[in-house]
Protein backbone atom coordinates (compact mmCIF):
# COMPACT_ATOMS: atom_id res chain seq x y z
CA MET A 1 95.29 118.27 76.00
CA SER A 2 95.38 118.21 80.32
CA ASP A 3 94.65 120.28 82.49
CA VAL A 4 97.68 120.01 84.71
CA LEU A 5 99.64 123.24 84.92
CA ALA A 6 103.03 123.69 83.37
CA LEU A 7 105.85 126.47 83.69
CA HIS A 8 107.56 126.84 80.40
CA ALA A 9 110.88 128.76 79.13
CA PRO A 10 110.70 130.39 76.06
CA GLU A 11 114.49 129.29 75.28
CA LEU A 12 113.06 125.79 75.21
CA GLU A 13 109.97 126.64 73.25
CA LEU A 14 111.96 125.02 69.85
CA PRO A 15 110.40 123.38 66.54
CA GLY A 16 109.76 119.65 67.34
CA VAL A 17 110.60 119.76 70.92
CA SER A 18 107.79 119.90 73.86
CA HIS A 19 108.61 120.70 77.68
CA GLY A 20 106.94 121.31 81.22
CA PHE A 21 107.86 122.33 84.11
CA PHE A 22 104.88 120.99 86.30
CA THR A 23 103.74 122.09 88.83
CA ARG A 24 102.06 120.28 92.01
CA GLN A 25 97.88 122.07 90.59
CA GLY A 26 96.29 119.75 88.00
CA GLY A 27 96.19 116.00 89.24
CA VAL A 28 94.37 113.42 91.10
CA SER A 29 97.07 113.06 94.44
CA ALA A 30 94.99 113.73 97.74
CA GLY A 31 96.34 114.96 101.40
CA VAL A 32 99.99 116.30 101.30
CA TYR A 33 100.21 115.17 97.28
CA ALA A 34 97.51 116.77 96.43
CA SER A 35 97.60 117.22 93.62
CA LEU A 36 99.90 116.45 90.35
CA ASN A 37 102.52 114.33 92.75
CA GLY A 38 105.11 112.63 90.63
CA GLY A 39 106.90 110.94 92.76
CA THR A 40 106.81 106.91 92.94
CA GLY A 41 109.41 107.17 96.15
CA SER A 42 106.49 108.84 97.79
CA LYS A 43 103.73 106.88 100.04
CA ASP A 44 101.16 107.99 97.32
CA ASP A 45 98.88 105.88 96.13
CA PRO A 46 100.49 104.34 93.32
CA GLN A 47 97.49 104.95 90.84
CA ALA A 48 97.16 108.10 92.02
CA VAL A 49 101.00 108.90 90.59
CA ALA A 50 100.24 106.95 87.72
CA GLU A 51 97.13 108.90 86.70
CA ASN A 52 99.61 112.19 87.23
CA ARG A 53 102.08 110.75 85.27
CA ARG A 54 99.85 109.96 82.26
CA ARG A 55 98.43 113.65 82.40
CA MET A 56 101.96 115.01 82.08
CA ALA A 57 103.04 112.86 79.20
CA LEU A 58 99.49 113.95 77.14
CA HIS A 59 100.82 117.25 77.50
CA LEU A 60 104.65 116.47 76.52
CA GLY A 61 102.68 114.82 73.14
CA VAL A 62 104.46 111.46 74.72
CA GLU A 63 102.45 107.89 75.59
CA PRO A 64 102.56 107.61 79.10
CA GLU A 65 105.25 104.70 78.98
CA HIS A 66 107.34 106.86 76.93
CA LEU A 67 107.48 109.29 79.98
CA LEU A 68 111.38 108.12 81.64
CA VAL A 69 112.22 108.98 84.84
CA PRO A 70 115.20 108.14 86.53
CA TYR A 71 115.95 106.19 90.31
CA GLN A 72 117.49 109.34 91.65
CA ILE A 73 120.14 108.77 93.72
CA HIS A 74 121.82 111.97 94.14
CA SER A 75 124.96 111.26 92.00
CA ALA A 76 127.29 112.66 89.23
CA GLU A 77 125.81 109.77 86.49
CA ALA A 78 123.79 110.97 83.38
CA LEU A 79 122.94 108.04 81.06
CA ILE A 80 122.12 107.92 77.30
CA VAL A 81 118.86 106.25 76.76
CA GLU A 82 117.43 105.54 72.98
CA ALA A 83 114.20 103.36 74.25
CA PRO A 84 111.93 103.38 77.19
CA PHE A 85 113.19 101.14 79.71
CA THR A 86 110.83 98.68 81.94
CA GLU A 87 113.59 98.89 85.15
CA ARG A 88 114.37 102.54 85.94
CA PRO A 89 117.90 102.97 86.16
CA HIS A 90 119.99 104.56 89.01
CA CYS A 91 121.05 107.79 88.01
CA ASP A 92 120.74 111.37 87.87
CA GLY A 93 120.34 112.80 84.01
CA LEU A 94 119.04 110.92 80.86
CA VAL A 95 120.10 111.99 77.28
CA THR A 96 118.34 111.08 74.08
CA ALA A 97 118.65 111.97 70.28
CA THR A 98 115.65 109.94 70.04
CA ARG A 99 112.00 110.93 68.76
CA GLY A 100 109.16 110.06 70.85
CA LEU A 101 110.43 109.68 74.31
CA ALA A 102 110.19 112.61 76.96
CA LEU A 103 113.16 112.64 79.71
CA GLY A 104 112.10 113.81 83.27
CA VAL A 105 113.14 114.11 86.75
CA THR A 106 111.95 114.94 90.03
CA GLY A 107 112.30 117.68 92.34
CA ALA A 108 110.95 118.93 95.78
CA ASP A 109 114.17 121.78 96.08
CA CYS A 110 116.34 119.96 94.39
CA GLY A 111 117.09 121.38 91.18
CA ILE A 112 115.37 120.25 87.92
CA ILE A 113 117.24 121.31 84.62
CA LEU A 114 116.32 120.74 81.11
CA PHE A 115 118.62 120.66 78.50
CA ALA A 116 118.43 121.10 74.36
CA GLU A 117 120.77 121.80 71.64
CA PRO A 118 118.72 122.47 68.94
CA GLU A 119 120.35 122.27 65.87
CA ALA A 120 121.37 118.62 67.02
CA GLY A 121 117.96 117.47 67.83
CA ILE A 122 119.16 116.71 71.27
CA ILE A 123 117.74 116.89 74.92
CA ALA A 124 118.51 116.36 78.31
CA ALA A 125 117.12 116.03 81.91
CA ALA A 126 119.14 116.53 85.00
CA HIS A 127 118.51 116.24 88.61
CA ALA A 128 121.08 118.75 90.76
CA GLY A 129 120.75 118.44 94.28
CA TRP A 130 123.80 120.10 96.64
CA LYS A 131 125.16 116.64 95.61
CA GLY A 132 124.89 116.19 92.45
CA ALA A 133 125.71 119.99 91.26
CA PHE A 134 128.95 119.58 93.69
CA THR A 135 130.23 116.22 92.32
CA GLY A 136 129.56 117.11 88.54
CA VAL A 137 125.86 115.28 87.21
CA LEU A 138 125.47 119.01 85.47
CA GLU A 139 128.73 118.59 83.76
CA ALA A 140 128.19 114.19 83.10
CA ALA A 141 125.11 115.50 80.78
CA LEU A 142 126.93 117.72 78.69
CA THR A 143 128.96 115.27 78.06
CA GLN A 144 126.65 112.86 77.32
CA MET A 145 124.95 114.92 75.09
CA GLU A 146 128.10 115.52 73.42
CA ILE A 147 128.87 111.95 72.50
CA LEU A 148 125.26 111.97 70.84
CA GLY A 149 126.46 115.13 68.61
CA ALA A 150 125.17 118.27 70.44
CA VAL A 151 127.99 121.20 70.27
CA ARG A 152 128.11 122.28 74.14
CA ASN A 153 128.27 126.08 72.87
CA LYS A 154 124.93 125.70 71.12
CA ILE A 155 123.05 123.77 74.44
CA ARG A 156 120.52 125.74 76.18
CA ALA A 157 120.21 124.74 79.73
CA VAL A 158 116.99 126.03 81.85
CA LEU A 159 117.08 125.70 86.24
CA GLY A 160 113.22 124.93 87.44
CA PRO A 161 111.67 125.14 90.71
CA THR A 162 114.14 124.92 92.92
CA ILE A 163 114.40 126.06 96.69
CA GLY A 164 115.44 129.58 96.74
CA PRO A 165 118.61 131.45 97.71
CA GLU A 166 116.42 133.13 100.96
CA SER A 167 115.31 129.81 102.22
CA TYR A 168 118.10 127.29 102.25
CA GLU A 169 119.96 127.83 105.34
CA VAL A 170 122.77 124.98 106.16
CA GLY A 171 124.92 124.48 108.82
CA PRO A 172 128.99 125.27 109.48
CA GLU A 173 130.05 121.91 108.04
CA PHE A 174 128.01 122.24 105.11
CA VAL A 175 129.70 125.30 104.25
CA ALA A 176 133.63 123.97 105.26
CA ARG A 177 132.51 121.01 102.76
CA PHE A 178 132.28 123.27 99.39
CA ILE A 179 135.37 126.08 100.79
CA GLU A 180 137.34 123.31 101.42
CA ALA A 181 137.05 122.07 97.57
CA GLU A 182 137.25 125.46 96.32
CA ASP A 183 137.71 128.81 98.32
CA SER A 184 135.55 131.19 95.91
CA TYR A 185 132.19 128.94 96.43
CA ARG A 186 132.30 131.22 100.10
CA GLY A 187 130.21 133.41 97.51
CA PHE A 188 127.41 131.50 97.57
CA PHE A 189 127.03 131.69 101.18
CA LYS A 190 125.45 134.58 103.20
CA SER A 191 125.67 134.85 107.04
CA SER A 192 121.78 133.45 108.04
CA ARG A 193 119.90 134.61 111.45
CA ARG A 194 121.08 131.39 113.29
CA GLU A 195 124.34 131.41 114.83
CA ARG A 196 127.11 129.73 112.86
CA HIS A 197 124.35 129.12 109.87
CA ALA A 198 124.63 130.50 106.56
CA LEU A 199 121.82 130.63 102.92
CA PHE A 200 123.27 128.38 100.61
CA ASP A 201 122.31 129.67 96.74
CA LEU A 202 121.81 126.46 94.82
CA PRO A 203 120.33 127.84 91.45
CA ALA A 204 123.24 130.31 91.64
CA PHE A 205 125.67 127.33 91.92
CA ILE A 206 123.83 124.90 89.96
CA GLY A 207 124.58 128.58 87.00
CA MET A 208 128.23 128.77 87.81
CA ARG A 209 128.60 125.24 86.84
CA LEU A 210 127.31 125.05 84.09
CA ARG A 211 128.35 128.41 82.81
CA SER A 212 132.14 127.05 83.27
CA ALA A 213 131.33 124.06 81.85
CA GLY A 214 130.56 126.03 78.69
CA VAL A 215 126.83 125.82 78.00
CA GLY A 216 125.58 128.09 75.61
CA SER A 217 122.89 129.67 77.65
CA PHE A 218 121.70 129.22 81.27
CA THR A 219 118.48 130.94 82.29
CA ASN A 220 117.36 130.30 86.12
CA LEU A 221 113.37 130.39 85.88
CA ALA A 222 113.84 132.13 89.42
CA LEU A 223 110.80 129.86 91.17
CA ASP A 224 111.15 129.15 94.79
CA THR A 225 109.65 125.76 95.75
CA TYR A 226 110.00 126.33 99.92
CA ALA A 227 108.07 129.57 99.59
CA ASP A 228 105.78 128.84 96.88
CA GLU A 229 103.63 126.46 98.08
CA ALA A 230 100.13 127.14 95.99
CA ARG A 231 102.45 125.48 93.18
CA PHE A 232 105.43 123.65 94.45
CA PHE A 233 106.08 120.75 96.90
CA SER A 234 108.83 121.37 99.02
CA TYR A 235 110.85 118.45 101.08
CA ARG A 236 112.21 120.89 103.87
CA ARG A 237 109.01 123.08 104.15
CA CYS A 238 107.78 118.87 105.02
CA THR A 239 110.37 118.95 107.29
CA HIS A 240 109.69 122.12 109.25
CA ARG A 241 106.23 121.54 109.55
CA GLN A 242 106.89 117.67 110.59
CA GLU A 243 104.64 116.42 108.32
CA ALA A 244 104.75 112.46 106.87
CA ASP A 245 105.54 112.85 103.30
CA TYR A 246 105.95 114.95 100.91
CA GLY A 247 104.77 115.02 97.07
CA ARG A 248 107.16 115.72 93.60
CA GLN A 249 107.49 118.02 90.63
CA ILE A 250 108.41 116.63 87.74
CA ALA A 251 110.35 118.79 84.79
CA ALA A 252 110.55 116.85 81.73
CA ILE A 253 111.48 117.71 77.70
CA ALA A 254 110.59 115.69 74.66
CA LEU A 255 111.46 115.04 71.05
CA SER A 256 107.81 115.16 69.24
């Protein structure tokens, strides 16, 4: 067993399933990436990232090359995978019914969601920042799970470390985009201290989209990446401090 620090959700503690919402603790990276940086898109030492991911795979009980993470593009695309890939697909959700595979997504403020349909033996992982959640990546993941035989109202979804509602300040054009699409979305914003700015509740928005799509259960671990520096990387915190780069945590689920 590796010594990485991973958080677990009771809803995903299922026979034949392993999962982890990995924190930034328990890896080999240094500096701003300390220490369990899972982001190949960062400027971290690639060998350190590879070792970090090896430790995560060990925790999940799969071979390192079977920990699959897509090339995320803030899209509404989710793909079914049946075998390890050599070239990462450009998408933001992965779905499988194949044992021995672990599906992962990276995040450093964006929502990282793990799914399981225990009766059908189908799992998924999705990366949902505001754009992915707004344009439909969550619904796409559910649809792909159904293609493999999942029953939507039996699917369990858990949201891992994500920027919290008190940490996500946005400008007026951001708010306008949401309200123009659906007036009821104004309920996910509240005034901030800065004039004409607002605080956006991304976790609540993700929960609403999943519940509206008919998911069986939704759990928010309520972990704020921006506020909890000891455990989580945060793109926004890095930007506010004008740091050169930032690490990414991984959430992953496997059929063991």
